[in-house]
Amino acid sequence: MRAPGIRLLPVLLLALCGVAGAADFVGADSCKGCHPEAYEAWMQSKHARAVSSLSEQQQKDGRCLSCHSPDQVAQTQASVSCETCHGGGQYYSPEYVMKDPELARLVGLVDPSEKQCRSCHDASSPSLRPFDFKESLKAIDHWSAERARRAARTQATPATPPPATAKK
């Protein structure tokens, strides 16, 4: 004879998996603190306004939302955000992890690829223009300004001074 609660175990496990998946997202505002230039570039992009480009009826259509707001259930940000392309940031967002690119990738940071972009920008997309990956990357460039700032900061930081010589 089985306890009635055992039949509920699979249902509870599935529910917990859904909650755990949602917890992976920390939101674009969490990225903003360390990546202000990237955040501002994203805010000016079509990705940040992907949902608002839809009609009211389209905003209720799962076929449209699958690309215009693919992670809406898992995050508070409705549109195409940092984590849509780079993966949920729960494990890679801490500063000590982001300082180690290999570790960040091991725990979930995704380097977006053409294949990933084409999951939405494909032949079935209602867009009338063909998708050119290299040109599209230029349109969503949110890394150049940040890299320039980091390079300037590195150049402005003086090199380690030579050791002091002992006085005689």
C-alpha atoms as a PDB file:
ATOM      1  CA  MET A   1       0.000   0.000   0.000  1.00  0.00           C
ATOM      2  CA  ARG A   2       1.425   3.368  -1.066  1.00  0.00           C
ATOM      3  CA  ALA A   3       1.046   6.666   0.639  1.00  0.00           C
ATOM      4  CA  PRO A   4      -1.114   9.136  -1.379  1.00  0.00           C
ATOM      5  CA  GLY A   5       1.686  11.722  -1.305  1.00  0.00           C
ATOM      6  CA  ILE A   6       3.976   9.552  -3.422  1.00  0.00           C
ATOM      7  CA  ARG A   7       1.761  10.084  -6.474  1.00  0.00           C
ATOM      8  CA  LEU A   8       2.259  13.831  -6.097  1.00  0.00           C
ATOM      9  CA  LEU A   9       6.045  13.569  -6.020  1.00  0.00           C
ATOM     10  CA  PRO A  10       6.553  13.694  -9.828  1.00  0.00           C
ATOM     11  CA  VAL A  11       4.256  16.728 -10.091  1.00  0.00           C
ATOM     12  CA  LEU A  12       6.116  18.534  -7.312  1.00  0.00           C
ATOM     13  CA  LEU A  13       9.476  17.764  -8.916  1.00  0.00           C
ATOM     14  CA  LEU A  14       8.321  19.195 -12.252  1.00  0.00           C
ATOM     15  CA  ALA A  15       7.026  22.321 -10.538  1.00  0.00           C
ATOM     16  CA  LEU A  16      10.302  22.807  -8.692  1.00  0.00           C
ATOM     17  CA  CYS A  17      12.273  22.435 -11.932  1.00  0.00           C
ATOM     18  CA  GLY A  18      10.215  25.258 -13.457  1.00  0.00           C
ATOM     19  CA  VAL A  19      10.859  27.497 -10.453  1.00  0.00           C
ATOM     20  CA  ALA A  20      14.568  26.688 -10.507  1.00  0.00           C
ATOM     21  CA  GLY A  21      14.758  27.601 -14.209  1.00  0.00           C
ATOM     22  CA  ALA A  22      13.105  30.939 -13.531  1.00  0.00           C
ATOM     23  CA  ALA A  23      15.567  31.628 -10.730  1.00  0.00           C
ATOM     24  CA  ASP A  24      18.440  31.517 -13.231  1.00  0.00           C
ATOM     25  CA  PHE A  25      17.476  34.989 -14.490  1.00  0.00           C
ATOM     26  CA  VAL A  26      18.687  38.008 -12.556  1.00  0.00           C
ATOM     27  CA  GLY A  27      17.383  40.723 -14.913  1.00  0.00           C
ATOM     28  CA  ALA A  28      19.038  43.320 -17.125  1.00  0.00           C
ATOM     29  CA  ASP A  29      19.315  45.790 -14.236  1.00  0.00           C
ATOM     30  CA  SER A  30      21.771  43.389 -12.590  1.00  0.00           C
ATOM     31  CA  CYS A  31      23.978  43.574 -15.688  1.00  0.00           C
ATOM     32  CA  LYS A  32      23.789  47.381 -15.740  1.00  0.00           C
ATOM     33  CA  GLY A  33      25.974  47.809 -12.648  1.00  0.00           C
ATOM     34  CA  CYS A  34      29.098  46.331 -14.243  1.00  0.00           C
ATOM     35  CA  HIS A  35      28.236  46.884 -17.899  1.00  0.00           C
ATOM     36  CA  PRO A  36      26.685  50.394 -18.084  1.00  0.00           C
ATOM     37  CA  GLU A  37      27.688  51.044 -21.704  1.00  0.00           C
ATOM     38  CA  ALA A  38      26.370  47.676 -22.855  1.00  0.00           C
ATOM     39  CA  TYR A  39      23.138  48.282 -20.945  1.00  0.00           C
ATOM     40  CA  GLU A  40      22.639  51.735 -22.528  1.00  0.00           C
ATOM     41  CA  ALA A  41      23.357  50.352 -26.010  1.00  0.00           C
ATOM     42  CA  TRP A  42      20.842  47.562 -25.371  1.00  0.00           C
ATOM     43  CA  MET A  43      18.246  50.064 -24.116  1.00  0.00           C
ATOM     44  CA  GLN A  44      18.534  51.900 -27.452  1.00  0.00           C
ATOM     45  CA  SER A  45      18.227  48.672 -29.455  1.00  0.00           C
ATOM     46  CA  LYS A  46      15.234  47.074 -31.120  1.00  0.00           C
ATOM     47  CA  HIS A  47      15.731  44.055 -28.849  1.00  0.00           C
ATOM     48  CA  ALA A  48      14.862  46.146 -25.786  1.00  0.00           C
ATOM     49  CA  ARG A  49      11.641  47.238 -27.481  1.00  0.00           C
ATOM     50  CA  ALA A  50      10.793  43.904 -29.101  1.00  0.00           C
ATOM     51  CA  VAL A  51       7.498  43.444 -27.263  1.00  0.00           C
ATOM     52  CA  SER A  52       6.332  47.015 -27.816  1.00  0.00           C
ATOM     53  CA  SER A  53       6.784  46.539 -31.575  1.00  0.00           C
ATOM     54  CA  LEU A  54       3.906  44.045 -31.480  1.00  0.00           C
ATOM     55  CA  SER A  55       0.224  44.909 -31.700  1.00  0.00           C
ATOM     56  CA  GLU A  56      -1.928  44.275 -28.635  1.00  0.00           C
ATOM     57  CA  GLN A  57      -3.230  41.075 -30.227  1.00  0.00           C
ATOM     58  CA  GLN A  58       0.292  39.889 -31.127  1.00  0.00           C
ATOM     59  CA  GLN A  59       1.405  40.474 -27.523  1.00  0.00           C
ATOM     60  CA  LYS A  60      -0.980  37.674 -26.540  1.00  0.00           C
ATOM     61  CA  ASP A  61       0.173  35.315 -29.294  1.00  0.00           C
ATOM     62  CA  GLY A  62       2.707  32.708 -28.164  1.00  0.00           C
ATOM     63  CA  ARG A  63       4.103  32.448 -31.696  1.00  0.00           C
ATOM     64  CA  CYS A  64       5.084  36.130 -31.582  1.00  0.00           C
ATOM     65  CA  LEU A  65       6.240  36.106 -27.964  1.00  0.00           C
ATOM     66  CA  SER A  66       8.515  33.118 -28.586  1.00  0.00           C
ATOM     67  CA  CYS A  67      10.895  35.568 -30.276  1.00  0.00           C
ATOM     68  CA  HIS A  68       9.805  39.006 -29.058  1.00  0.00           C
ATOM     69  CA  SER A  69       9.846  37.972 -25.390  1.00  0.00           C
ATOM     70  CA  PRO A  70      11.170  34.413 -25.166  1.00  0.00           C
ATOM     71  CA  ASP A  71      12.004  34.492 -21.461  1.00  0.00           C
ATOM     72  CA  GLN A  72       9.001  36.451 -20.206  1.00  0.00           C
ATOM     73  CA  VAL A  73       7.909  33.683 -17.851  1.00  0.00           C
ATOM     74  CA  ALA A  74      11.391  33.318 -16.334  1.00  0.00           C
ATOM     75  CA  GLN A  75      12.227  36.988 -15.898  1.00  0.00           C
ATOM     76  CA  THR A  76      10.572  40.276 -15.141  1.00  0.00           C
ATOM     77  CA  GLN A  77      11.928  41.927 -18.297  1.00  0.00           C
ATOM     78  CA  ALA A  78       9.519  41.496 -21.201  1.00  0.00           C
ATOM     79  CA  SER A  79      11.511  41.658 -24.441  1.00  0.00           C
ATOM     80  CA  VAL A  80      14.812  40.336 -25.717  1.00  0.00           C
ATOM     81  CA  SER A  81      17.231  41.069 -22.886  1.00  0.00           C
ATOM     82  CA  CYS A  82      20.827  40.338 -21.932  1.00  0.00           C
ATOM     83  CA  GLU A  83      19.948  36.906 -20.612  1.00  0.00           C
ATOM     84  CA  THR A  84      17.937  35.955 -23.687  1.00  0.00           C
ATOM     85  CA  CYS A  85      21.199  35.900 -25.614  1.00  0.00           C
ATOM     86  CA  HIS A  86      23.786  35.302 -22.875  1.00  0.00           C
ATOM     87  CA  GLY A  87      21.870  32.802 -20.709  1.00  0.00           C
ATOM     88  CA  GLY A  88      20.456  33.174 -17.201  1.00  0.00           C
ATOM     89  CA  GLY A  89      23.002  35.041 -15.081  1.00  0.00           C
ATOM     90  CA  GLN A  90      22.418  33.610 -11.629  1.00  0.00           C
ATOM     91  CA  TYR A  91      25.691  31.697 -11.602  1.00  0.00           C
ATOM     92  CA  TYR A  92      27.928  33.823 -13.822  1.00  0.00           C
ATOM     93  CA  SER A  93      26.871  37.321 -12.715  1.00  0.00           C
ATOM     94  CA  PRO A  94      28.930  37.589  -9.500  1.00  0.00           C
ATOM     95  CA  GLU A  95      31.927  39.850 -10.126  1.00  0.00           C
ATOM     96  CA  TYR A  96      34.504  37.244  -9.118  1.00  0.00           C
ATOM     97  CA  VAL A  97      33.045  34.851 -11.705  1.00  0.00           C
ATOM     98  CA  MET A  98      32.888  37.457 -14.490  1.00  0.00           C
ATOM     99  CA  LYS A  99      36.576  38.252 -13.931  1.00  0.00           C
ATOM    100  CA  ASP A 100      37.357  34.686 -15.024  1.00  0.00           C
ATOM    101  CA  PRO A 101      35.932  34.225 -18.561  1.00  0.00           C
ATOM    102  CA  GLU A 102      36.501  30.471 -18.534  1.00  0.00           C
ATOM    103  CA  LEU A 103      34.656  30.057 -15.228  1.00  0.00           C
ATOM    104  CA  ALA A 104      31.818  32.330 -16.390  1.00  0.00           C
ATOM    105  CA  ARG A 105      31.307  30.156 -19.469  1.00  0.00           C
ATOM    106  CA  LEU A 106      31.497  26.978 -17.404  1.00  0.00           C
ATOM    107  CA  VAL A 107      28.661  28.148 -15.155  1.00  0.00           C
ATOM    108  CA  GLY A 108      26.354  29.401 -17.903  1.00  0.00           C
ATOM    109  CA  LEU A 109      27.558  32.525 -19.756  1.00  0.00           C
ATOM    110  CA  VAL A 110      26.742  32.038 -23.426  1.00  0.00           C
ATOM    111  CA  ASP A 111      28.624  33.622 -26.312  1.00  0.00           C
ATOM    112  CA  PRO A 112      25.763  34.092 -28.778  1.00  0.00           C
ATOM    113  CA  SER A 113      26.218  32.475 -32.167  1.00  0.00           C
ATOM    114  CA  GLU A 114      24.688  32.926 -35.592  1.00  0.00           C
ATOM    115  CA  LYS A 115      22.739  29.701 -35.032  1.00  0.00           C
ATOM    116  CA  GLN A 116      21.255  31.104 -31.834  1.00  0.00           C
ATOM    117  CA  CYS A 117      20.228  34.347 -33.567  1.00  0.00           C
ATOM    118  CA  ARG A 118      18.682  32.414 -36.433  1.00  0.00           C
ATOM    119  CA  SER A 119      16.341  30.653 -34.012  1.00  0.00           C
ATOM    120  CA  CYS A 120      14.242  33.840 -34.363  1.00  0.00           C
ATOM    121  CA  HIS A 121      15.740  35.597 -37.380  1.00  0.00           C
ATOM    122  CA  ASP A 122      14.905  32.835 -39.846  1.00  0.00           C
ATOM    123  CA  ALA A 123      12.968  32.260 -43.057  1.00  0.00           C
ATOM    124  CA  SER A 124       9.670  31.882 -41.173  1.00  0.00           C
ATOM    125  CA  SER A 125      10.063  35.311 -39.547  1.00  0.00           C
ATOM    126  CA  PRO A 126       7.497  37.856 -40.719  1.00  0.00           C
ATOM    127  CA  SER A 127      10.397  40.265 -41.360  1.00  0.00           C
ATOM    128  CA  LEU A 128      10.602  41.223 -44.999  1.00  0.00           C
ATOM    129  CA  ARG A 129      14.367  41.692 -44.967  1.00  0.00           C
ATOM    130  CA  PRO A 130      16.797  38.790 -45.156  1.00  0.00           C
ATOM    131  CA  PHE A 131      18.953  38.285 -42.057  1.00  0.00           C
ATOM    132  CA  ASP A 132      22.648  39.090 -42.508  1.00  0.00           C
ATOM    133  CA  PHE A 133      24.407  37.968 -39.333  1.00  0.00           C
ATOM    134  CA  LYS A 134      27.532  40.124 -39.745  1.00  0.00           C
ATOM    135  CA  GLU A 135      25.549  43.286 -40.486  1.00  0.00           C
ATOM    136  CA  SER A 136      23.102  42.537 -37.690  1.00  0.00           C
ATOM    137  CA  LEU A 137      25.954  42.249 -35.189  1.00  0.00           C
ATOM    138  CA  LYS A 138      26.924  45.822 -36.041  1.00  0.00           C
ATOM    139  CA  ALA A 139      23.367  46.944 -35.318  1.00  0.00           C
ATOM    140  CA  ILE A 140      23.411  45.430 -31.813  1.00  0.00           C
ATOM    141  CA  ASP A 141      26.987  46.358 -30.905  1.00  0.00           C
ATOM    142  CA  HIS A 142      26.890  46.769 -27.138  1.00  0.00           C
ATOM    143  CA  TRP A 143      30.469  45.789 -26.422  1.00  0.00           C
ATOM    144  CA  SER A 144      32.685  48.314 -28.251  1.00  0.00           C
ATOM    145  CA  ALA A 145      32.033  51.251 -25.885  1.00  0.00           C
ATOM    146  CA  GLU A 146      32.664  49.071 -22.836  1.00  0.00           C
ATOM    147  CA  ARG A 147      35.880  47.661 -24.273  1.00  0.00           C
ATOM    148  CA  ALA A 148      37.089  51.190 -25.067  1.00  0.00           C
ATOM    149  CA  ARG A 149      36.368  52.292 -21.476  1.00  0.00           C
ATOM    150  CA  ARG A 150      38.235  49.317 -20.057  1.00  0.00           C
ATOM    151  CA  ALA A 151      41.209  49.916 -22.360  1.00  0.00           C
ATOM    152  CA  ALA A 152      41.331  53.583 -21.357  1.00  0.00           C
ATOM    153  CA  ARG A 153      41.176  52.636 -17.675  1.00  0.00           C
ATOM    154  CA  THR A 154      43.985  50.115 -18.129  1.00  0.00           C
ATOM    155  CA  GLN A 155      46.142  52.706 -19.912  1.00  0.00           C
ATOM    156  CA  ALA A 156      45.418  55.329 -17.261  1.00  0.00           C
ATOM    157  CA  THR A 157      46.490  53.014 -14.451  1.00  0.00           C
ATOM    158  CA  PRO A 158      50.210  53.571 -13.913  1.00  0.00           C
ATOM    159  CA  ALA A 159      52.477  50.592 -14.236  1.00  0.00           C
ATOM    160  CA  THR A 160      53.823  49.090 -11.039  1.00  0.00           C
ATOM    161  CA  PRO A 161      56.655  51.366  -9.895  1.00  0.00           C
ATOM    162  CA  PRO A 162      60.101  49.845  -9.659  1.00  0.00           C
ATOM    163  CA  PRO A 163      61.160  48.776  -6.172  1.00  0.00           C
ATOM    164  CA  ALA A 164      62.712  51.514  -4.062  1.00  0.00           C
ATOM    165  CA  THR A 165      66.456  51.376  -3.792  1.00  0.00           C
ATOM    166  CA  ALA A 166      68.009  51.318  -0.381  1.00  0.00           C
ATOM    167  CA  LYS A 167      69.684  54.587   0.717  1.00  0.00           C
ATOM    168  CA  LYS A 168      73.301  54.509   1.718  1.00  0.00           C
END
